[in-house]
C-alpha atoms as a PDB file:
ATOM      1  CA  MET A   1     107.689  83.660  96.663  1.00  0.00           C
ATOM      2  CA  THR A   2     104.323  82.380  95.545  1.00  0.00           C
ATOM      3  CA  ALA A   3     102.948  83.200  92.109  1.00  0.00           C
ATOM      4  CA  GLY A   4     100.122  85.201  93.693  1.00  0.00           C
ATOM      5  CA  ARG A   5     102.525  87.422  95.593  1.00  0.00           C
ATOM      6  CA  ARG A   6     104.656  87.941  92.499  1.00  0.00           C
ATOM      7  CA  THR A   7     101.526  88.900  90.538  1.00  0.00           C
ATOM      8  CA  ARG A   8     100.489  91.390  93.230  1.00  0.00           C
ATOM      9  CA  ALA A   9     104.014  92.821  93.297  1.00  0.00           C
ATOM     10  CA  ARG A  10     103.958  93.336  89.519  1.00  0.00           C
ATOM     11  CA  GLU A  11     100.595  95.053  89.778  1.00  0.00           C
ATOM     12  CA  ARG A  12     101.843  97.386  92.520  1.00  0.00           C
ATOM     13  CA  ALA A  13     105.042  98.045  90.565  1.00  0.00           C
ATOM     14  CA  LEU A  14     102.999  99.010  87.500  1.00  0.00           C
ATOM     15  CA  GLN A  15     100.874 101.362  89.585  1.00  0.00           C
ATOM     16  CA  ALA A  16     103.978 102.960  91.109  1.00  0.00           C
ATOM     17  CA  LEU A  17     105.672 103.324  87.696  1.00  0.00           C
ATOM     18  CA  TYR A  18     102.509 104.944  86.361  1.00  0.00           C
ATOM     19  CA  GLN A  19     102.452 107.388  89.276  1.00  0.00           C
ATOM     20  CA  ILE A  20     106.118 108.228  88.749  1.00  0.00           C
ATOM     21  CA  ASP A  21     105.461 108.734  85.018  1.00  0.00           C
ATOM     22  CA  VAL A  22     102.572 111.114  85.721  1.00  0.00           C
ATOM     23  CA  ALA A  23     104.154 113.071  88.573  1.00  0.00           C
ATOM     24  CA  ALA A  24     107.771 112.963  87.342  1.00  0.00           C
ATOM     25  CA  ALA A  25     108.782 112.607  90.978  1.00  0.00           C
ATOM     26  CA  GLY A  26     111.953 111.122  92.367  1.00  0.00           C
ATOM     27  CA  ILE A  27     111.817 107.383  93.043  1.00  0.00           C
ATOM     28  CA  ASP A  28     112.135 107.541  96.842  1.00  0.00           C
ATOM     29  CA  ASP A  29     109.500 110.257  97.289  1.00  0.00           C
ATOM     30  CA  ALA A  30     107.175 108.613  94.782  1.00  0.00           C
ATOM     31  CA  LEU A  31     107.427 105.199  96.452  1.00  0.00           C
ATOM     32  CA  GLN A  32     106.861 106.686  99.902  1.00  0.00           C
ATOM     33  CA  SER A  33     103.779 108.510  98.674  1.00  0.00           C
ATOM     34  CA  PHE A  34     102.608 105.457  96.748  1.00  0.00           C
ATOM     35  CA  TRP A  35     102.744 103.104  99.752  1.00  0.00           C
ATOM     36  CA  ARG A  36     100.924 105.624 101.955  1.00  0.00           C
ATOM     37  CA  SER A  37      97.979 105.525  99.544  1.00  0.00           C
ATOM     38  CA  PHE A  38      97.500 101.746  99.834  1.00  0.00           C
ATOM     39  CA  GLU A  39      96.129  99.505 102.507  1.00  0.00           C
ATOM     40  CA  PRO A  40      98.940  97.653 104.258  1.00  0.00           C
ATOM     41  CA  THR A  41     100.724  95.382 101.813  1.00  0.00           C
ATOM     42  CA  GLU A  42     102.609  92.214 102.648  1.00  0.00           C
ATOM     43  CA  ARG A  43     106.236  93.127 103.200  1.00  0.00           C
ATOM     44  CA  GLU A  44     107.400  90.514 100.667  1.00  0.00           C
ATOM     45  CA  VAL A  45     105.122  91.998  97.985  1.00  0.00           C
ATOM     46  CA  GLN A  46     106.271  95.528  98.792  1.00  0.00           C
ATOM     47  CA  LEU A  47     109.954  94.596  98.620  1.00  0.00           C
ATOM     48  CA  LEU A  48     109.573  92.834  95.268  1.00  0.00           C
ATOM     49  CA  ALA A  49     107.508  95.695  93.838  1.00  0.00           C
ATOM     50  CA  GLU A  50     110.110  98.233  94.949  1.00  0.00           C
ATOM     51  CA  GLY A  51     112.876  96.099  93.460  1.00  0.00           C
ATOM     52  CA  LEU A  52     111.037  96.050  90.140  1.00  0.00           C
ATOM     53  CA  VAL A  53     110.453  99.815  90.164  1.00  0.00           C
ATOM     54  CA  ARG A  54     114.044 100.606  91.113  1.00  0.00           C
ATOM     55  CA  GLY A  55     115.345  98.153  88.525  1.00  0.00           C
ATOM     56  CA  VAL A  56     113.305  99.789  85.775  1.00  0.00           C
ATOM     57  CA  ALA A  57     114.576 103.198  86.906  1.00  0.00           C
ATOM     58  CA  VAL A  58     118.234 102.133  86.874  1.00  0.00           C
ATOM     59  CA  ASP A  59     118.025 100.471  83.448  1.00  0.00           C
ATOM     60  CA  ARG A  60     115.426 102.792  81.970  1.00  0.00           C
ATOM     61  CA  GLN A  61     117.438 103.968  78.959  1.00  0.00           C
ATOM     62  CA  ALA A  62     118.303 100.424  77.862  1.00  0.00           C
ATOM     63  CA  VAL A  63     114.709  99.292  78.475  1.00  0.00           C
ATOM     64  CA  ASP A  64     113.263 102.253  76.567  1.00  0.00           C
ATOM     65  CA  ASP A  65     115.690 101.665  73.685  1.00  0.00           C
ATOM     66  CA  LEU A  66     114.516  98.047  73.368  1.00  0.00           C
ATOM     67  CA  ILE A  67     110.869  99.112  73.443  1.00  0.00           C
ATOM     68  CA  ASP A  68     111.503 101.838  70.861  1.00  0.00           C
ATOM     69  CA  GLY A  69     113.207  99.349  68.577  1.00  0.00           C
ATOM     70  CA  ALA A  70     110.378  96.840  68.864  1.00  0.00           C
ATOM     71  CA  SER A  71     107.427  99.215  68.529  1.00  0.00           C
ATOM     72  CA  THR A  72     107.673 100.000  64.857  1.00  0.00           C
ATOM     73  CA  ASN A  73     104.872 102.552  64.560  1.00  0.00           C
ATOM     74  CA  TRP A  74     104.804 104.038  68.050  1.00  0.00           C
ATOM     75  CA  ARG A  75     107.283 106.321  69.740  1.00  0.00           C
ATOM     76  CA  LEU A  76     107.546 105.739  73.467  1.00  0.00           C
ATOM     77  CA  ASP A  77     106.359 109.246  74.327  1.00  0.00           C
ATOM     78  CA  ARG A  78     103.207 108.715  72.225  1.00  0.00           C
ATOM     79  CA  MET A  79     102.190 105.442  73.891  1.00  0.00           C
ATOM     80  CA  ALA A  80      99.480 105.343  76.514  1.00  0.00           C
ATOM     81  CA  ARG A  81     101.098 105.608  79.963  1.00  0.00           C
ATOM     82  CA  VAL A  82      99.743 102.241  81.071  1.00  0.00           C
ATOM     83  CA  ASP A  83     101.055 100.488  77.967  1.00  0.00           C
ATOM     84  CA  ARG A  84     104.435 102.196  78.229  1.00  0.00           C
ATOM     85  CA  ASN A  85     104.891 101.207  81.863  1.00  0.00           C
ATOM     86  CA  VAL A  86     103.674  97.635  81.375  1.00  0.00           C
ATOM     87  CA  LEU A  87     106.251  97.350  78.593  1.00  0.00           C
ATOM     88  CA  ARG A  88     108.980  98.843  80.781  1.00  0.00           C
ATOM     89  CA  LEU A  89     108.237  96.479  83.628  1.00  0.00           C
ATOM     90  CA  ALA A  90     108.126  93.358  81.437  1.00  0.00           C
ATOM     91  CA  THR A  91     111.168  94.332  79.389  1.00  0.00           C
ATOM     92  CA  TRP A  92     113.196  94.891  82.542  1.00  0.00           C
ATOM     93  CA  GLU A  93     112.124  91.470  83.806  1.00  0.00           C
ATOM     94  CA  PHE A  94     113.153  89.934  80.485  1.00  0.00           C
ATOM     95  CA  LEU A  95     116.617  91.416  80.942  1.00  0.00           C
ATOM     96  CA  ARG A  96     117.205  91.170  84.683  1.00  0.00           C
ATOM     97  CA  GLY A  97     114.501  89.009  86.216  1.00  0.00           C
ATOM     98  CA  ASP A  98     114.465  85.311  86.931  1.00  0.00           C
ATOM     99  CA  ALA A  99     110.863  84.504  85.985  1.00  0.00           C
ATOM    100  CA  PRO A 100     110.338  82.656  82.698  1.00  0.00           C
ATOM    101  CA  VAL A 101     109.830  84.960  79.715  1.00  0.00           C
ATOM    102  CA  LYS A 102     106.435  83.390  78.922  1.00  0.00           C
ATOM    103  CA  VAL A 103     105.206  84.027  82.475  1.00  0.00           C
ATOM    104  CA  VAL A 104     106.381  87.639  82.377  1.00  0.00           C
ATOM    105  CA  MET A 105     104.733  88.146  78.989  1.00  0.00           C
ATOM    106  CA  ASN A 106     101.422  86.592  80.040  1.00  0.00           C
ATOM    107  CA  GLU A 107     101.262  88.668  83.219  1.00  0.00           C
ATOM    108  CA  ALA A 108     102.133  91.838  81.294  1.00  0.00           C
ATOM    109  CA  ILE A 109      99.318  91.177  78.831  1.00  0.00           C
ATOM    110  CA  GLU A 110      96.888  90.636  81.709  1.00  0.00           C
ATOM    111  CA  LEU A 111      98.005  93.890  83.379  1.00  0.00           C
ATOM    112  CA  ALA A 112      97.564  95.738  80.082  1.00  0.00           C
ATOM    113  CA  LYS A 113      94.050  94.330  79.682  1.00  0.00           C
ATOM    114  CA  LYS A 114      93.142  95.187  83.274  1.00  0.00           C
ATOM    115  CA  TYR A 115      94.495  98.741  83.367  1.00  0.00           C
ATOM    116  CA  GLY A 116      94.801  99.783  79.731  1.00  0.00           C
ATOM    117  CA  SER A 117      92.478 100.284  76.806  1.00  0.00           C
ATOM    118  CA  GLU A 118      90.640  97.705  74.745  1.00  0.00           C
ATOM    119  CA  SER A 119      93.641  97.365  72.423  1.00  0.00           C
ATOM    120  CA  SER A 120      96.353  97.375  75.114  1.00  0.00           C
ATOM    121  CA  GLY A 121      96.634  93.594  75.467  1.00  0.00           C
ATOM    122  CA  GLY A 122      97.303  93.053  71.782  1.00  0.00           C
ATOM    123  CA  PHE A 123      99.685  95.987  71.540  1.00  0.00           C
ATOM    124  CA  VAL A 124     101.730  94.865  74.561  1.00  0.00           C
ATOM    125  CA  ASN A 125     101.759  91.288  73.263  1.00  0.00           C
ATOM    126  CA  GLY A 126     103.111  92.363  69.878  1.00  0.00           C
ATOM    127  CA  VAL A 127     105.880  94.581  71.262  1.00  0.00           C
ATOM    128  CA  LEU A 128     106.966  92.089  73.917  1.00  0.00           C
ATOM    129  CA  ASP A 129     106.989  89.266  71.391  1.00  0.00           C
ATOM    130  CA  ARG A 130     109.422  91.252  69.233  1.00  0.00           C
ATOM    131  CA  ILE A 131     111.631  92.009  72.233  1.00  0.00           C
ATOM    132  CA  ALA A 132     111.554  88.371  73.368  1.00  0.00           C
ATOM    133  CA  GLN A 133     112.683  87.194  69.934  1.00  0.00           C
ATOM    134  CA  GLY A 134     115.874  89.185  70.426  1.00  0.00           C
ATOM    135  CA  LEU A 135     116.695  87.505  73.746  1.00  0.00           C
ATOM    136  CA  PRO A 136     119.162  84.621  73.938  1.00  0.00           C
ATOM    137  CA  ALA A 137     117.480  81.254  73.273  1.00  0.00           C
ATOM    138  CA  ALA A 138     118.312  80.045  76.798  1.00  0.00           C
ATOM    139  CA  ARG A 139     116.507  83.064  78.317  1.00  0.00           C
ATOM    140  CA  ARG A 140     113.467  82.382  76.145  1.00  0.00           C
ATOM    141  CA  GLY A 141     113.419  78.811  77.473  1.00  0.00           C
ATOM    142  CA  GLU A 142     114.430  77.328  74.136  1.00  0.00           C
ATOM    143  CA  GLY A 143     117.818  75.954  74.952  1.00  0.00           C
END
């Protein structure tokens, strides 16, 4: 998959996770509704985005625990929804994805800047950096 498609899939996954967070809907219903609201999306992008969303949902407790542990002054339920879901998406990719940690982190920061507040990029960077430090050296690309 090209980098551009992966980027678009991450963006769609973030938007779907946000919608699920707001509506507290089931994954299948939320994804169906989500895809109906978009112009036709490349099948490859849709499949990757759905895989990301479903992965976050399956591992949500472990992902949320890592985020909670790394965000020293912010409880997850007090974070802005965009920031929280960018962190969930990136943290899940750190744990289960195959993209390099630095790529995942950079894309997460860009998503936070695009969809979040003025301070979202820095906040997401700080939390993800703490999470990444706890990953095995080989996963971080250091060994």
